[in-house]
Amino acid sequence: GQRQIDSFQAGGNRQGLNFEQIKSIKITIPSKDEQI
């Protein structure tokens, strides 16, 4: 998760995330039972 957040920060300035960037973050999920 942190790598994807970092990748949105041009030049490493960590200035901010917008909502479209957050929505585009890729997450791989298991079944709900495994998540729990």
Full PDB file with SEQRES, HELIX, SHEET, SSBOND, CRYST1, ORIGX, SCALE, CONECT and MASTER records, all heavy atoms in Angstrom:
SEQRES   1 A   36  GLY GLN ARG GLN ILE ASP SER PHE GLN ALA GLY GLY ASN          
SEQRES   2 A   36  ARG GLN GLY LEU ASN PHE GLU GLN ILE LYS SER ILE LYS          
SEQRES   3 A   36  ILE THR ILE PRO SER LYS ASP GLU GLN ILE                      
HELIX    1 AA1 GLN A    2  SER A    7  1                                   6    
HELIX    2 AA2 ALA A   10  GLY A   12  5                                   3    
HELIX    3 AA3 PHE A   19  SER A   24  1                                   6    
HELIX    4 AA4 LYS A   32  GLN A   35  1                                   4    
CRYST1    1.000    1.000    1.000  90.00  90.00  90.00 P 1           1          
ORIGX1      1.000000  0.000000  0.000000        0.00000                         
ORIGX2      0.000000  1.000000  0.000000        0.00000                         
ORIGX3      0.000000  0.000000  1.000000        0.00000                         
SCALE1      1.000000  0.000000  0.000000        0.00000                         
SCALE2      0.000000  1.000000  0.000000        0.00000                         
SCALE3      0.000000  0.000000  1.000000        0.00000                         
ATOM      1  N   GLY A   1       0.811  -1.212   0.000  1.00  0.00           N  
ATOM      2  CA  GLY A   1       0.000   0.000   0.000  1.00  0.00           C  
ATOM      3  C   GLY A   1       0.843   1.260   0.000  1.00  0.00           C  
ATOM      4  O   GLY A   1       0.576   2.205  -0.753  1.00  0.00           O  
ATOM      5  N   GLN A   2       1.887   1.290   0.826  1.00  0.00           N  
ATOM      6  CA  GLN A   2       2.729   2.475   0.939  1.00  0.00           C  
ATOM      7  C   GLN A   2       3.494   2.760  -0.356  1.00  0.00           C  
ATOM      8  O   GLN A   2       3.698   3.922  -0.717  1.00  0.00           O  
ATOM      9  CB  GLN A   2       3.705   2.315   2.105  1.00  0.00           C  
ATOM     10  CG  GLN A   2       3.042   2.363   3.475  1.00  0.00           C  
ATOM     11  CD  GLN A   2       2.476   3.736   3.807  1.00  0.00           C  
ATOM     12  OE1 GLN A   2       3.196   4.734   3.768  1.00  0.00           O  
ATOM     13  NE2 GLN A   2       1.192   3.791   4.120  1.00  0.00           N  
ATOM     14  N   ARG A   3       3.905   1.713  -1.075  1.00  0.00           N  
ATOM     15  CA  ARG A   3       4.611   1.923  -2.341  1.00  0.00           C  
ATOM     16  C   ARG A   3       3.712   2.625  -3.356  1.00  0.00           C  
ATOM     17  O   ARG A   3       4.161   3.510  -4.099  1.00  0.00           O  
ATOM     18  CB  ARG A   3       5.077   0.577  -2.909  1.00  0.00           C  
ATOM     19  CG  ARG A   3       6.327   0.026  -2.243  1.00  0.00           C  
ATOM     20  CD  ARG A   3       6.755  -1.249  -2.943  1.00  0.00           C  
ATOM     21  NE  ARG A   3       7.657  -2.025  -2.111  1.00  0.00           N  
ATOM     22  CZ  ARG A   3       7.631  -3.343  -2.001  1.00  0.00           C  
ATOM     23  NH1 ARG A   3       6.722  -4.037  -2.658  1.00  0.00           N  
ATOM     24  NH2 ARG A   3       8.500  -3.972  -1.235  1.00  0.00           N  
ATOM     25  N   GLN A   4       2.445   2.217  -3.379  1.00  0.00           N  
ATOM     26  CA  GLN A   4       1.528   2.854  -4.334  1.00  0.00           C  
ATOM     27  C   GLN A   4       1.255   4.304  -3.936  1.00  0.00           C  
ATOM     28  O   GLN A   4       1.190   5.183  -4.796  1.00  0.00           O  
ATOM     29  CB  GLN A   4       0.215   2.065  -4.407  1.00  0.00           C  
ATOM     30  CG  GLN A   4       0.390   0.700  -5.040  1.00  0.00           C  
ATOM     31  CD  GLN A   4      -0.940   0.006  -5.283  1.00  0.00           C  
ATOM     32  OE1 GLN A   4      -1.749   0.446  -6.098  1.00  0.00           O  
ATOM     33  NE2 GLN A   4      -1.175  -1.078  -4.548  1.00  0.00           N  
ATOM     34  N   ILE A   5       1.114   4.556  -2.644  1.00  0.00           N  
ATOM     35  CA  ILE A   5       0.923   5.933  -2.183  1.00  0.00           C  
ATOM     36  C   ILE A   5       2.137   6.774  -2.544  1.00  0.00           C  
ATOM     37  O   ILE A   5       2.012   7.896  -3.045  1.00  0.00           O  
ATOM     38  CB  ILE A   5       0.658   5.953  -0.667  1.00  0.00           C  
ATOM     39  CG1 ILE A   5      -0.722   5.351  -0.365  1.00  0.00           C  
ATOM     40  CG2 ILE A   5       0.750   7.376  -0.108  1.00  0.00           C  
ATOM     41  CD1 ILE A   5      -0.996   5.116   1.111  1.00  0.00           C  
ATOM     42  N   ASP A   6       3.334   6.224  -2.318  1.00  0.00           N  
ATOM     43  CA  ASP A   6       4.569   6.939  -2.660  1.00  0.00           C  
ATOM     44  C   ASP A   6       4.659   7.214  -4.165  1.00  0.00           C  
ATOM     45  O   ASP A   6       5.177   8.252  -4.586  1.00  0.00           O  
ATOM     46  CB  ASP A   6       5.796   6.133  -2.227  1.00  0.00           C  
ATOM     47  CG  ASP A   6       6.028   6.173  -0.722  1.00  0.00           C  
ATOM     48  OD1 ASP A   6       5.470   7.064  -0.061  1.00  0.00           O  
ATOM     49  OD2 ASP A   6       6.759   5.304  -0.211  1.00  0.00           O  
ATOM     50  N   SER A   7       4.175   6.268  -4.969  1.00  0.00           N  
ATOM     51  CA  SER A   7       4.318   6.408  -6.426  1.00  0.00           C  
ATOM     52  C   SER A   7       3.536   7.584  -6.975  1.00  0.00           C  
ATOM     53  O   SER A   7       3.848   8.094  -8.060  1.00  0.00           O  
ATOM     54  CB  SER A   7       3.857   5.120  -7.125  1.00  0.00           C  
ATOM     55  OG  SER A   7       2.437   4.985  -7.056  1.00  0.00           O  
ATOM     56  N   PHE A   8       2.523   8.034  -6.251  1.00  0.00           N  
ATOM     57  CA  PHE A   8       1.727   9.176  -6.702  1.00  0.00           C  
ATOM     58  C   PHE A   8       2.379  10.517  -6.376  1.00  0.00           C  
ATOM     59  O   PHE A   8       1.921  11.561  -6.836  1.00  0.00           O  
ATOM     60  CB  PHE A   8       0.334   9.149  -6.073  1.00  0.00           C  
ATOM     61  CG  PHE A   8      -0.529   8.011  -6.540  1.00  0.00           C  
ATOM     62  CD1 PHE A   8      -1.066   7.123  -5.628  1.00  0.00           C  
ATOM     63  CD2 PHE A   8      -0.790   7.818  -7.892  1.00  0.00           C  
ATOM     64  CE1 PHE A   8      -1.866   6.066  -6.049  1.00  0.00           C  
ATOM     65  CE2 PHE A   8      -1.584   6.764  -8.322  1.00  0.00           C  
ATOM     66  CZ  PHE A   8      -2.118   5.880  -7.394  1.00  0.00           C  
ATOM     67  N   GLN A   9       3.444  10.478  -5.580  1.00  0.00           N  
ATOM     68  CA  GLN A   9       4.072  11.729  -5.141  1.00  0.00           C  
ATOM     69  C   GLN A   9       5.245  12.066  -6.047  1.00  0.00           C  
ATOM     70  O   GLN A   9       6.338  11.528  -5.901  1.00  0.00           O  
ATOM     71  CB  GLN A   9       4.538  11.619  -3.684  1.00  0.00           C  
ATOM     72  CG  GLN A   9       3.460  11.111  -2.731  1.00  0.00           C  
ATOM     73  CD  GLN A   9       2.170  11.880  -2.882  1.00  0.00           C  
ATOM     74  OE1 GLN A   9       2.141  13.084  -2.678  1.00  0.00           O  
ATOM     75  NE2 GLN A   9       1.092  11.199  -3.240  1.00  0.00           N  
ATOM     76  N   ALA A  10       5.007  12.966  -6.984  1.00  0.00           N  
ATOM     77  CA  ALA A  10       6.022  13.326  -7.979  1.00  0.00           C  
ATOM     78  C   ALA A  10       7.265  13.869  -7.300  1.00  0.00           C  
ATOM     79  O   ALA A  10       7.185  14.758  -6.462  1.00  0.00           O  
ATOM     80  CB  ALA A  10       5.466  14.366  -8.945  1.00  0.00           C  
ATOM     81  N   GLY A  11       8.417  13.294  -7.650  1.00  0.00           N  
ATOM     82  CA  GLY A  11       9.679  13.778  -7.104  1.00  0.00           C  
ATOM     83  C   GLY A  11       9.871  13.474  -5.644  1.00  0.00           C  
ATOM     84  O   GLY A  11      10.786  13.973  -5.010  1.00  0.00           O  
ATOM     85  N   GLY A  12       8.997  12.657  -5.065  1.00  0.00           N  
ATOM     86  CA  GLY A  12       9.132  12.313  -3.654  1.00  0.00           C  
ATOM     87  C   GLY A  12       8.735  13.426  -2.709  1.00  0.00           C  
ATOM     88  O   GLY A  12       9.069  13.383  -1.526  1.00  0.00           O  
ATOM     89  N   ASN A  13       7.983  14.420  -3.196  1.00  0.00           N  
ATOM     90  CA  ASN A  13       7.618  15.547  -2.333  1.00  0.00           C  
ATOM     91  C   ASN A  13       6.499  15.230  -1.355  1.00  0.00           C  
ATOM     92  O   ASN A  13       6.266  15.969  -0.413  1.00  0.00           O  
ATOM     93  CB  ASN A  13       7.190  16.742  -3.194  1.00  0.00           C  
ATOM     94  CG  ASN A  13       8.353  17.345  -3.948  1.00  0.00           C  
ATOM     95  OD1 ASN A  13       9.470  17.331  -3.462  1.00  0.00           O  
ATOM     96  ND2 ASN A  13       8.082  17.853  -5.138  1.00  0.00           N  
ATOM     97  N   ARG A  14       5.779  14.135  -1.607  1.00  0.00           N  
ATOM     98  CA  ARG A  14       4.681  13.728  -0.729  1.00  0.00           C  
ATOM     99  C   ARG A  14       3.740  14.900  -0.454  1.00  0.00           C  
ATOM    100  O   ARG A  14       3.400  15.201   0.674  1.00  0.00           O  
ATOM    101  CB  ARG A  14       5.232  13.148   0.587  1.00  0.00           C  
ATOM    102  CG  ARG A  14       6.067  11.903   0.375  1.00  0.00           C  
ATOM    103  CD  ARG A  14       6.604  11.338   1.666  1.00  0.00           C  
ATOM    104  NE  ARG A  14       5.581  10.689   2.468  1.00  0.00           N  
ATOM    105  CZ  ARG A  14       5.200   9.428   2.299  1.00  0.00           C  
ATOM    106  NH1 ARG A  14       5.714   8.703   1.348  1.00  0.00           N  
ATOM    107  NH2 ARG A  14       4.274   8.905   3.085  1.00  0.00           N  
ATOM    108  N   GLN A  15       3.317  15.569  -1.534  1.00  0.00           N  
ATOM    109  CA  GLN A  15       2.486  16.755  -1.381  1.00  0.00           C  
ATOM    110  C   GLN A  15       1.031  16.428  -1.110  1.00  0.00           C  
ATOM    111  O   GLN A  15       0.365  17.149  -0.388  1.00  0.00           O  
ATOM    112  CB  GLN A  15       2.610  17.626  -2.638  1.00  0.00           C  
ATOM    113  CG  GLN A  15       4.003  18.214  -2.819  1.00  0.00           C  
ATOM    114  CD  GLN A  15       4.133  18.958  -4.122  1.00  0.00           C  
ATOM    115  OE1 GLN A  15       3.276  18.845  -5.003  1.00  0.00           O  
ATOM    116  NE2 GLN A  15       5.203  19.712  -4.268  1.00  0.00           N  
ATOM    117  N   GLY A  16       0.507  15.375  -1.722  1.00  0.00           N  
ATOM    118  CA  GLY A  16      -0.890  15.064  -1.480  1.00  0.00           C  
ATOM    119  C   GLY A  16      -1.436  14.026  -2.433  1.00  0.00           C  
ATOM    120  O   GLY A  16      -0.924  13.827  -3.539  1.00  0.00           O  
ATOM    121  N   LEU A  17      -2.494  13.345  -1.975  1.00  0.00           N  
ATOM    122  CA  LEU A  17      -3.218  12.385  -2.796  1.00  0.00           C  
ATOM    123  C   LEU A  17      -4.572  12.974  -3.157  1.00  0.00           C  
ATOM    124  O   LEU A  17      -5.218  13.601  -2.314  1.00  0.00           O  
ATOM    125  CB  LEU A  17      -3.454  11.081  -2.022  1.00  0.00           C  
ATOM    126  CG  LEU A  17      -2.258  10.206  -1.665  1.00  0.00           C  
ATOM    127  CD1 LEU A  17      -2.705   9.086  -0.737  1.00  0.00           C  
ATOM    128  CD2 LEU A  17      -1.639   9.625  -2.922  1.00  0.00           C  
ATOM    129  N   ASN A  18      -5.030  12.733  -4.395  1.00  0.00           N  
ATOM    130  CA  ASN A  18      -6.403  13.104  -4.730  1.00  0.00           C  
ATOM    131  C   ASN A  18      -7.274  11.856  -4.722  1.00  0.00           C  
ATOM    132  O   ASN A  18      -6.781  10.724  -4.669  1.00  0.00           O  
ATOM    133  CB  ASN A  18      -6.471  13.849  -6.069  1.00  0.00           C  
ATOM    134  CG  ASN A  18      -6.001  13.004  -7.248  1.00  0.00           C  
ATOM    135  OD1 ASN A  18      -6.434  11.867  -7.439  1.00  0.00           O  
ATOM    136  ND2 ASN A  18      -5.100  13.574  -8.056  1.00  0.00           N  
ATOM    137  N   PHE A  19      -8.570  12.061  -4.783  1.00  0.00           N  
ATOM    138  CA  PHE A  19      -9.499  10.941  -4.618  1.00  0.00           C  
ATOM    139  C   PHE A  19      -9.397   9.926  -5.751  1.00  0.00           C  
ATOM    140  O   PHE A  19      -9.551   8.720  -5.524  1.00  0.00           O  
ATOM    141  CB  PHE A  19     -10.937  11.467  -4.496  1.00  0.00           C  
ATOM    142  CG  PHE A  19     -11.119  12.444  -3.364  1.00  0.00           C  
ATOM    143  CD1 PHE A  19     -11.966  13.535  -3.494  1.00  0.00           C  
ATOM    144  CD2 PHE A  19     -10.426  12.282  -2.175  1.00  0.00           C  
ATOM    145  CE1 PHE A  19     -12.126  14.437  -2.463  1.00  0.00           C  
ATOM    146  CE2 PHE A  19     -10.579  13.175  -1.135  1.00  0.00           C  
ATOM    147  CZ  PHE A  19     -11.433  14.264  -1.285  1.00  0.00           C  
ATOM    148  N   GLU A  20      -9.144  10.389  -6.972  1.00  0.00           N  
ATOM    149  CA  GLU A  20      -9.020   9.463  -8.090  1.00  0.00           C  
ATOM    150  C   GLU A  20      -7.787   8.576  -7.926  1.00  0.00           C  
ATOM    151  O   GLU A  20      -7.817   7.391  -8.275  1.00  0.00           O  
ATOM    152  CB  GLU A  20      -8.958  10.234  -9.413  1.00  0.00           C  
ATOM    153  CG  GLU A  20     -10.266  10.923  -9.781  1.00  0.00           C  
ATOM    154  CD  GLU A  20     -11.453   9.963  -9.784  1.00  0.00           C  
ATOM    155  OE1 GLU A  20     -11.321   8.864 -10.379  1.00  0.00           O  
ATOM    156  OE2 GLU A  20     -12.489  10.291  -9.176  1.00  0.00           O  
ATOM    157  N   GLN A  21      -6.722   9.128  -7.399  1.00  0.00           N  
ATOM    158  CA  GLN A  21      -5.528   8.323  -7.140  1.00  0.00           C  
ATOM    159  C   GLN A  21      -5.827   7.253  -6.096  1.00  0.00           C  
ATOM    160  O   GLN A  21      -5.406   6.097  -6.238  1.00  0.00           O  
ATOM    161  CB  GLN A  21      -4.379   9.220  -6.680  1.00  0.00           C  
ATOM    162  CG  GLN A  21      -3.790  10.086  -7.779  1.00  0.00           C  
ATOM    163  CD  GLN A  21      -2.802  11.107  -7.245  1.00  0.00           C  
ATOM    164  OE1 GLN A  21      -2.900  11.546  -6.091  1.00  0.00           O  
ATOM    165  NE2 GLN A  21      -1.847  11.494  -8.078  1.00  0.00           N  
ATOM    166  N   ILE A  22      -6.536   7.640  -5.039  1.00  0.00           N  
ATOM    167  CA  ILE A  22      -6.883   6.677  -3.988  1.00  0.00           C  
ATOM    168  C   ILE A  22      -7.741   5.558  -4.563  1.00  0.00           C  
ATOM    169  O   ILE A  22      -7.509   4.374  -4.296  1.00  0.00           O  
ATOM    170  CB  ILE A  22      -7.602   7.384  -2.826  1.00  0.00           C  
ATOM    171  CG1 ILE A  22      -6.654   8.390  -2.153  1.00  0.00           C  
ATOM    172  CG2 ILE A  22      -8.105   6.365  -1.800  1.00  0.00           C  
ATOM    173  CD1 ILE A  22      -7.345   9.323  -1.184  1.00  0.00           C  
ATOM    174  N   LYS A  23      -8.729   5.916  -5.381  1.00  0.00           N  
ATOM    175  CA  LYS A  23      -9.608   4.908  -5.979  1.00  0.00           C  
ATOM    176  C   LYS A  23      -8.841   3.967  -6.899  1.00  0.00           C  
ATOM    177  O   LYS A  23      -9.230   2.802  -7.079  1.00  0.00           O  
ATOM    178  CB  LYS A  23     -10.727   5.599  -6.765  1.00  0.00           C  
ATOM    179  CG  LYS A  23     -11.751   6.313  -5.909  1.00  0.00           C  
ATOM    180  CD  LYS A  23     -12.783   7.014  -6.792  1.00  0.00           C  
ATOM    181  CE  LYS A  23     -13.787   7.801  -5.970  1.00  0.00           C  
ATOM    182  NZ  LYS A  23     -14.778   8.513  -6.824  1.00  0.00           N  
ATOM    183  N   SER A  24      -7.751   4.450  -7.487  1.00  0.00           N  
ATOM    184  CA  SER A  24      -6.996   3.626  -8.436  1.00  0.00           C  
ATOM    185  C   SER A  24      -5.993   2.695  -7.757  1.00  0.00           C  
ATOM    186  O   SER A  24      -5.371   1.863  -8.429  1.00  0.00           O  
ATOM    187  CB  SER A  24      -6.250   4.525  -9.426  1.00  0.00           C  
ATOM    188  OG  SER A  24      -5.154   5.182  -8.799  1.00  0.00           O  
ATOM    189  N   ILE A  25      -5.810   2.813  -6.447  1.00  0.00           N  
ATOM    190  CA  ILE A  25      -4.863   1.944  -5.743  1.00  0.00           C  
ATOM    191  C   ILE A  25      -5.287   0.490  -5.887  1.00  0.00           C  
ATOM    192  O   ILE A  25      -6.443   0.126  -5.628  1.00  0.00           O  
ATOM    193  CB  ILE A  25      -4.775   2.332  -4.252  1.00  0.00           C  
ATOM    194  CG1 ILE A  25      -4.082   3.692  -4.106  1.00  0.00           C  
ATOM    195  CG2 ILE A  25      -4.017   1.262  -3.456  1.00  0.00           C  
ATOM    196  CD1 ILE A  25      -4.063   4.219  -2.684  1.00  0.00           C  
ATOM    197  N   LYS A  26      -4.375  -0.339  -6.333  1.00  0.00           N  
ATOM    198  CA  LYS A  26      -4.665  -1.764  -6.538  1.00  0.00           C  
ATOM    199  C   LYS A  26      -4.513  -2.518  -5.227  1.00  0.00           C  
ATOM    200  O   LYS A  26      -3.535  -2.351  -4.500  1.00  0.00           O  
ATOM    201  CB  LYS A  26      -3.732  -2.353  -7.599  1.00  0.00           C  
ATOM    202  CG  LYS A  26      -3.930  -1.773  -8.995  1.00  0.00           C  
ATOM    203  CD  LYS A  26      -2.970  -2.411  -9.982  1.00  0.00           C  
ATOM    204  CE  LYS A  26      -3.227  -1.937 -11.406  1.00  0.00           C  
ATOM    205  NZ  LYS A  26      -3.016  -0.484 -11.568  1.00  0.00           N  
ATOM    206  N   ILE A  27      -5.481  -3.352  -4.934  1.00  0.00           N  
ATOM    207  CA  ILE A  27      -5.460  -4.177  -3.727  1.00  0.00           C  
ATOM    208  C   ILE A  27      -5.895  -5.585  -4.103  1.00  0.00           C  
ATOM    209  O   ILE A  27      -6.883  -5.778  -4.813  1.00  0.00           O  
ATOM    210  CB  ILE A  27      -6.370  -3.583  -2.623  1.00  0.00           C  
ATOM    211  CG1 ILE A  27      -6.411  -4.510  -1.409  1.00  0.00           C  
ATOM    212  CG2 ILE A  27      -7.770  -3.281  -3.127  1.00  0.00           C  
ATOM    213  CD1 ILE A  27      -7.120  -3.915  -0.204  1.00  0.00           C  
ATOM    214  N   THR A  28      -5.125  -6.557  -3.670  1.00  0.00           N  
ATOM    215  CA  THR A  28      -5.448  -7.962  -3.939  1.00  0.00           C  
ATOM    216  C   THR A  28      -6.076  -8.552  -2.682  1.00  0.00           C  
ATOM    217  O   THR A  28      -5.484  -8.486  -1.599  1.00  0.00           O  
ATOM    218  CB  THR A  28      -4.191  -8.747  -4.331  1.00  0.00           C  
ATOM    219  OG1 THR A  28      -3.519  -8.063  -5.396  1.00  0.00           O  
ATOM    220  CG2 THR A  28      -4.547 -10.139  -4.802  1.00  0.00           C  
ATOM    221  N   ILE A  29      -7.271  -9.091  -2.813  1.00  0.00           N  
ATOM    222  CA  ILE A  29      -8.023  -9.528  -1.641  1.00  0.00           C  
ATOM    223  C   ILE A  29      -8.354 -11.015  -1.691  1.00  0.00           C  
ATOM    224  O   ILE A  29      -8.589 -11.580  -2.759  1.00  0.00           O  
ATOM    225  CB  ILE A  29      -9.331  -8.716  -1.472  1.00  0.00           C  
ATOM    226  CG1 ILE A  29     -10.264  -8.917  -2.667  1.00  0.00           C  
ATOM    227  CG2 ILE A  29      -9.022  -7.244  -1.272  1.00  0.00           C  
ATOM    228  CD1 ILE A  29     -11.651  -8.328  -2.464  1.00  0.00           C  
ATOM    229  N   PRO A  30      -8.368 -11.677  -0.537  1.00  0.00           N  
ATOM    230  CA  PRO A  30      -8.833 -13.062  -0.443  1.00  0.00           C  
ATOM    231  C   PRO A  30     -10.334 -13.084  -0.143  1.00  0.00           C  
ATOM    232  O   PRO A  30     -11.013 -12.053  -0.191  1.00  0.00           O  
ATOM    233  CB  PRO A  30      -8.026 -13.591   0.738  1.00  0.00           C  
ATOM    234  CG  PRO A  30      -7.910 -12.400   1.646  1.00  0.00           C  
ATOM    235  CD  PRO A  30      -7.838 -11.190   0.751  1.00  0.00           C  
ATOM    236  N   SER A  31     -10.821 -14.243   0.217  1.00  0.00           N  
ATOM    237  CA  SER A  31     -12.219 -14.351   0.638  1.00  0.00           C  
ATOM    238  C   SER A  31     -12.450 -13.513   1.884  1.00  0.00           C  
ATOM    239  O   SER A  31     -11.507 -13.157   2.601  1.00  0.00           O  
ATOM    240  CB  SER A  31     -12.563 -15.811   0.937  1.00  0.00           C  
ATOM    241  OG  SER A  31     -11.845 -16.248   2.099  1.00  0.00           O  
ATOM    242  N   LYS A  32     -13.704 -13.216   2.151  1.00  0.00           N  
ATOM    243  CA  LYS A  32     -14.017 -12.395   3.317  1.00  0.00           C  
ATOM    244  C   LYS A  32     -13.589 -13.085   4.606  1.00  0.00           C  
ATOM    245  O   LYS A  32     -13.095 -12.437   5.541  1.00  0.00           O  
ATOM    246  CB  LYS A  32     -15.506 -12.065   3.350  1.00  0.00           C  
ATOM    247  CG  LYS A  32     -15.853 -10.989   4.370  1.00  0.00           C  
ATOM    248  CD  LYS A  32     -17.272 -10.491   4.194  1.00  0.00           C  
ATOM    249  CE  LYS A  32     -17.574  -9.363   5.183  1.00  0.00           C  
ATOM    250  NZ  LYS A  32     -18.955  -8.848   5.014  1.00  0.00           N  
ATOM    251  N   ASP A  33     -13.753 -14.402   4.673  1.00  0.00           N  
ATOM    252  CA  ASP A  33     -13.349 -15.138   5.881  1.00  0.00           C  
ATOM    253  C   ASP A  33     -11.846 -15.009   6.134  1.00  0.00           C  
ATOM    254  O   ASP A  33     -11.400 -14.846   7.279  1.00  0.00           O  
ATOM    255  CB  ASP A  33     -13.720 -16.617   5.757  1.00  0.00           C  
ATOM    256  CG  ASP A  33     -15.217 -16.863   5.919  1.00  0.00           C  
ATOM    257  OD1 ASP A  33     -15.909 -15.958   6.437  1.00  0.00           O  
ATOM    258  OD2 ASP A  33     -15.691 -17.940   5.515  1.00  0.00           O  
ATOM    259  N   GLU A  34     -11.052 -15.062   5.064  1.00  0.00           N  
ATOM    260  CA  GLU A  34      -9.606 -14.936   5.228  1.00  0.00           C  
ATOM    261  C   GLU A  34      -9.232 -13.501   5.607  1.00  0.00           C  
ATOM    262  O   GLU A  34      -8.340 -13.275   6.430  1.00  0.00           O  
ATOM    263  CB  GLU A  34      -8.878 -15.371   3.957  1.00  0.00           C  
ATOM    264  CG  GLU A  34      -7.370 -15.470   4.150  1.00  0.00           C  
ATOM    265  CD  GLU A  34      -6.656 -16.122   2.976  1.00  0.00           C  
ATOM    266  OE1 GLU A  34      -7.335 -16.538   2.009  1.00  0.00           O  
ATOM    267  OE2 GLU A  34      -5.409 -16.208   3.022  1.00  0.00           O  
ATOM    268  N   GLN A  35      -9.923 -12.544   5.004  1.00  0.00           N  
ATOM    269  CA  GLN A  35      -9.705 -11.148   5.392  1.00  0.00           C  
ATOM    270  C   GLN A  35      -9.935 -10.960   6.889  1.00  0.00           C  
ATOM    271  O   GLN A  35      -9.142 -10.312   7.584  1.00  0.00           O  
ATOM    272  CB  GLN A  35     -10.661 -10.227   4.637  1.00  0.00           C  
ATOM    273  CG  GLN A  35     -10.401 -10.059   3.164  1.00  0.00           C  
ATOM    274  CD  GLN A  35     -11.427  -9.135   2.535  1.00  0.00           C  
ATOM    275  OE1 GLN A  35     -11.678  -8.033   3.035  1.00  0.00           O  
ATOM    276  NE2 GLN A  35     -12.030  -9.572   1.440  1.00  0.00           N  
ATOM    277  N   ILE A  36     -11.039 -11.532   7.369  1.00  0.00           N  
ATOM    278  CA  ILE A  36     -11.401 -11.378   8.785  1.00  0.00           C  
ATOM    279  C   ILE A  36     -10.329 -11.985   9.680  1.00  0.00           C  
ATOM    280  O   ILE A  36      -9.937 -11.393  10.697  1.00  0.00           O  
ATOM    281  CB  ILE A  36     -12.778 -12.024   9.059  1.00  0.00           C  
ATOM    282  CG1 ILE A  36     -13.883 -11.204   8.384  1.00  0.00           C  
ATOM    283  CG2 ILE A  36     -13.037 -12.143  10.562  1.00  0.00           C  
ATOM    284  CD1 ILE A  36     -15.252 -11.873   8.412  1.00  0.00           C  
TER     285      ILE A  36                                                      
MASTER        0    0    0    4    0    0    0    6  284    1    0    3          
END                                                                             
